[in-house]
C-alpha atoms as a PDB file:
ATOM      1  CA  UNK A   1      90.394-107.128-134.545  1.00  0.00           C
ATOM      2  CA  UNK A   2      87.976-109.842-136.150  1.00  0.00           C
ATOM      3  CA  UNK A   3      90.343-111.697-136.702  1.00  0.00           C
ATOM      4  CA  UNK A   4      91.768-111.564-133.173  1.00  0.00           C
ATOM      5  CA  UNK A   5      87.480-112.370-132.231  1.00  0.00           C
ATOM      6  CA  UNK A   6      87.262-115.382-134.880  1.00  0.00           C
ATOM      7  CA  UNK A   7      90.675-116.488-133.291  1.00  0.00           C
ATOM      8  CA  UNK A   8      88.792-116.975-129.594  1.00  0.00           C
ATOM      9  CA  UNK A   9      87.132-120.157-129.571  1.00  0.00           C
ATOM     10  CA  UNK A  10      84.445-118.604-126.421  1.00  0.00           C
ATOM     11  CA  UNK A  11      82.463-115.128-126.009  1.00  0.00           C
ATOM     12  CA  UNK A  12      85.114-112.356-124.625  1.00  0.00           C
ATOM     13  CA  UNK A  13      85.389-110.260-122.475  1.00  0.00           C
ATOM     14  CA  UNK A  14      87.102-107.085-123.491  1.00  0.00           C
ATOM     15  CA  UNK A  15      90.149-107.973-121.503  1.00  0.00           C
ATOM     16  CA  UNK A  16      90.321-111.260-123.697  1.00  0.00           C
ATOM     17  CA  UNK A  17      89.628-108.881-127.165  1.00  0.00           C
ATOM     18  CA  UNK A  18      92.536-106.951-126.158  1.00  0.00           C
ATOM     19  CA  UNK A  19      95.557-109.699-125.311  1.00  0.00           C
ATOM     20  CA  UNK A  20      93.622-111.697-128.664  1.00  0.00           C
ATOM     21  CA  UNK A  21      95.143-107.993-130.497  1.00  0.00           C
ATOM     22  CA  UNK A  22      98.119-108.684-128.910  1.00  0.00           C
ATOM     23  CA  UNK A  23      99.417-104.902-129.462  1.00  0.00           C
ATOM     24  CA  UNK A  24      99.346-101.621-128.355  1.00  0.00           C
ATOM     25  CA  UNK A  25      95.706-100.059-128.275  1.00  0.00           C
ATOM     26  CA  UNK A  26      93.326 -97.278-126.873  1.00  0.00           C
ATOM     27  CA  UNK A  27      90.617 -99.102-124.157  1.00  0.00           C
ATOM     28  CA  UNK A  28      88.712 -97.111-125.190  1.00  0.00           C
ATOM     29  CA  UNK A  29      89.404 -97.163-128.865  1.00  0.00           C
ATOM     30  CA  UNK A  30      88.020-100.825-128.577  1.00  0.00           C
ATOM     31  CA  UNK A  31      85.209-100.063-126.214  1.00  0.00           C
ATOM     32  CA  UNK A  32      83.976 -97.633-129.038  1.00  0.00           C
ATOM     33  CA  UNK A  33      84.591-100.987-131.531  1.00  0.00           C
ATOM     34  CA  UNK A  34      83.166-103.179-130.005  1.00  0.00           C
ATOM     35  CA  UNK A  35      79.367-100.893-129.671  1.00  0.00           C
ATOM     36  CA  UNK A  36      80.242-100.035-133.241  1.00  0.00           C
ATOM     37  CA  UNK A  37      80.302-104.388-134.020  1.00  0.00           C
ATOM     38  CA  UNK A  38      76.992-104.715-131.876  1.00  0.00           C
ATOM     39  CA  UNK A  39      75.338-101.756-133.464  1.00  0.00           C
ATOM     40  CA  UNK A  40      76.090-103.016-137.107  1.00  0.00           C
ATOM     41  CA  UNK A  41      74.924-106.753-135.510  1.00  0.00           C
ATOM     42  CA  UNK A  42      78.692-108.525-136.515  1.00  0.00           C
ATOM     43  CA  UNK A  43      78.704-109.082-132.781  1.00  0.00           C
ATOM     44  CA  UNK A  44      76.758-110.241-130.408  1.00  0.00           C
ATOM     45  CA  UNK A  45      77.217-108.825-126.331  1.00  0.00           C
ATOM     46  CA  UNK A  46      76.058-111.199-123.880  1.00  0.00           C
ATOM     47  CA  UNK A  47      76.413-109.757-120.549  1.00  0.00           C
ATOM     48  CA  UNK A  48      77.374-112.673-117.760  1.00  0.00           C
ATOM     49  CA  UNK A  49      76.534-113.026-113.812  1.00  0.00           C
ATOM     50  CA  UNK A  50      79.353-111.104-112.896  1.00  0.00           C
ATOM     51  CA  UNK A  51      77.979-108.711-114.955  1.00  0.00           C
ATOM     52  CA  UNK A  52      81.210-109.119-117.983  1.00  0.00           C
ATOM     53  CA  UNK A  53      80.151-108.143-121.072  1.00  0.00           C
ATOM     54  CA  UNK A  54      81.346-110.572-123.195  1.00  0.00           C
ATOM     55  CA  UNK A  55      81.305-110.579-127.364  1.00  0.00           C
ATOM     56  CA  UNK A  56      80.836-113.220-130.447  1.00  0.00           C
ATOM     57  CA  UNK A  57      81.055-112.542-134.789  1.00  0.00           C
ATOM     58  CA  UNK A  58      77.243-113.369-135.578  1.00  0.00           C
ATOM     59  CA  UNK A  59      79.512-114.097-138.874  1.00  0.00           C
ATOM     60  CA  UNK A  60      76.171-112.160-140.621  1.00  0.00           C
ATOM     61  CA  UNK A  61      72.997-114.511-139.081  1.00  0.00           C
ATOM     62  CA  UNK A  62      71.228-113.581-135.802  1.00  0.00           C
ATOM     63  CA  UNK A  63      72.998-115.215-132.716  1.00  0.00           C
ATOM     64  CA  UNK A  64      70.029-115.924-130.852  1.00  0.00           C
ATOM     65  CA  UNK A  65      69.035-119.683-131.829  1.00  0.00           C
ATOM     66  CA  UNK A  66      71.455-121.550-129.814  1.00  0.00           C
ATOM     67  CA  UNK A  67      72.642-122.245-126.239  1.00  0.00           C
ATOM     68  CA  UNK A  68      75.440-120.556-124.327  1.00  0.00           C
ATOM     69  CA  UNK A  69      77.024-122.592-122.163  1.00  0.00           C
ATOM     70  CA  UNK A  70      78.745-120.745-119.112  1.00  0.00           C
ATOM     71  CA  UNK A  71      81.439-122.009-116.889  1.00  0.00           C
ATOM     72  CA  UNK A  72      80.799-121.024-112.973  1.00  0.00           C
ATOM     73  CA  UNK A  73      84.825-121.631-112.632  1.00  0.00           C
ATOM     74  CA  UNK A  74      86.845-119.481-115.562  1.00  0.00           C
ATOM     75  CA  UNK A  75      84.305-117.704-116.831  1.00  0.00           C
ATOM     76  CA  UNK A  76      83.862-117.874-120.066  1.00  0.00           C
ATOM     77  CA  UNK A  77      80.784-118.437-121.947  1.00  0.00           C
ATOM     78  CA  UNK A  78      80.545-120.855-125.443  1.00  0.00           C
ATOM     79  CA  UNK A  79      78.052-121.039-128.190  1.00  0.00           C
ATOM     80  CA  UNK A  80      77.018-124.561-128.307  1.00  0.00           C
ATOM     81  CA  UNK A  81      74.644-125.516-131.393  1.00  0.00           C
ATOM     82  CA  UNK A  82      72.048-126.815-129.161  1.00  0.00           C
ATOM     83  CA  UNK A  83      68.498-124.674-130.173  1.00  0.00           C
ATOM     84  CA  UNK A  84      66.698-122.818-127.687  1.00  0.00           C
ATOM     85  CA  UNK A  85      63.123-124.236-126.886  1.00  0.00           C
ATOM     86  CA  UNK A  86      60.267-123.272-128.994  1.00  0.00           C
ATOM     87  CA  UNK A  87      57.807-121.529-127.896  1.00  0.00           C
ATOM     88  CA  UNK A  88      54.642-122.174-129.173  1.00  0.00           C
ATOM     89  CA  UNK A  89      52.846-120.582-126.820  1.00  0.00           C
ATOM     90  CA  UNK A  90      53.134-117.107-124.698  1.00  0.00           C
ATOM     91  CA  UNK A  91      50.142-115.590-122.110  1.00  0.00           C
ATOM     92  CA  UNK A  92      48.016-113.065-124.292  1.00  0.00           C
ATOM     93  CA  UNK A  93      50.023-109.824-124.891  1.00  0.00           C
ATOM     94  CA  UNK A  94      53.113-111.249-124.681  1.00  0.00           C
ATOM     95  CA  UNK A  95      55.883-110.252-126.813  1.00  0.00           C
ATOM     96  CA  UNK A  96      59.090-112.458-128.007  1.00  0.00           C
ATOM     97  CA  UNK A  97      62.226-110.266-128.892  1.00  0.00           C
ATOM     98  CA  UNK A  98      65.167-112.896-128.304  1.00  0.00           C
ATOM     99  CA  UNK A  99      65.916-115.712-126.557  1.00  0.00           C
ATOM    100  CA  UNK A 100      68.723-116.313-124.364  1.00  0.00           C
ATOM    101  CA  UNK A 101      68.957-119.766-122.760  1.00  0.00           C
ATOM    102  CA  UNK A 102      72.458-120.622-121.313  1.00  0.00           C
ATOM    103  CA  UNK A 103      73.819-123.948-119.331  1.00  0.00           C
ATOM    104  CA  UNK A 104      76.028-123.312-116.881  1.00  0.00           C
ATOM    105  CA  UNK A 105      78.205-125.746-114.851  1.00  0.00           C
ATOM    106  CA  UNK A 106      82.506-126.633-116.364  1.00  0.00           C
ATOM    107  CA  UNK A 107      83.940-126.305-119.281  1.00  0.00           C
ATOM    108  CA  UNK A 108      85.694-129.220-120.400  1.00  0.00           C
ATOM    109  CA  UNK A 109      88.970-127.778-119.368  1.00  0.00           C
ATOM    110  CA  UNK A 110      88.143-127.013-116.202  1.00  0.00           C
ATOM    111  CA  UNK A 111      86.760-130.058-115.195  1.00  0.00           C
ATOM    112  CA  UNK A 112      89.549-132.351-115.952  1.00  0.00           C
ATOM    113  CA  UNK A 113      91.603-129.036-114.190  1.00  0.00           C
ATOM    114  CA  UNK A 114      89.398-130.430-111.342  1.00  0.00           C
END
């Protein structure tokens, strides 16, 4: 399954991971396996505006140190090499645990098609 996820260029939904595996599989087992990868820190799950969970491998590194791009047309989410802004001041009592910096628009494929 990790090889199938590595072959995907964007964050992948459960259905996209299943399609990349290209064989018979149990949907519940796939959900549980993806959850186990997230729990182990090997994958990251992000819930999109469409309420679909999308997964990507973390490659053993923290996944929160870059921006994401969400294509409003096809729904794919891409990891970008843009760093998230540095938060130098937070209100008293606030403790940041994760940052999710997301840009939205059209991906290259969708922009070329329109």
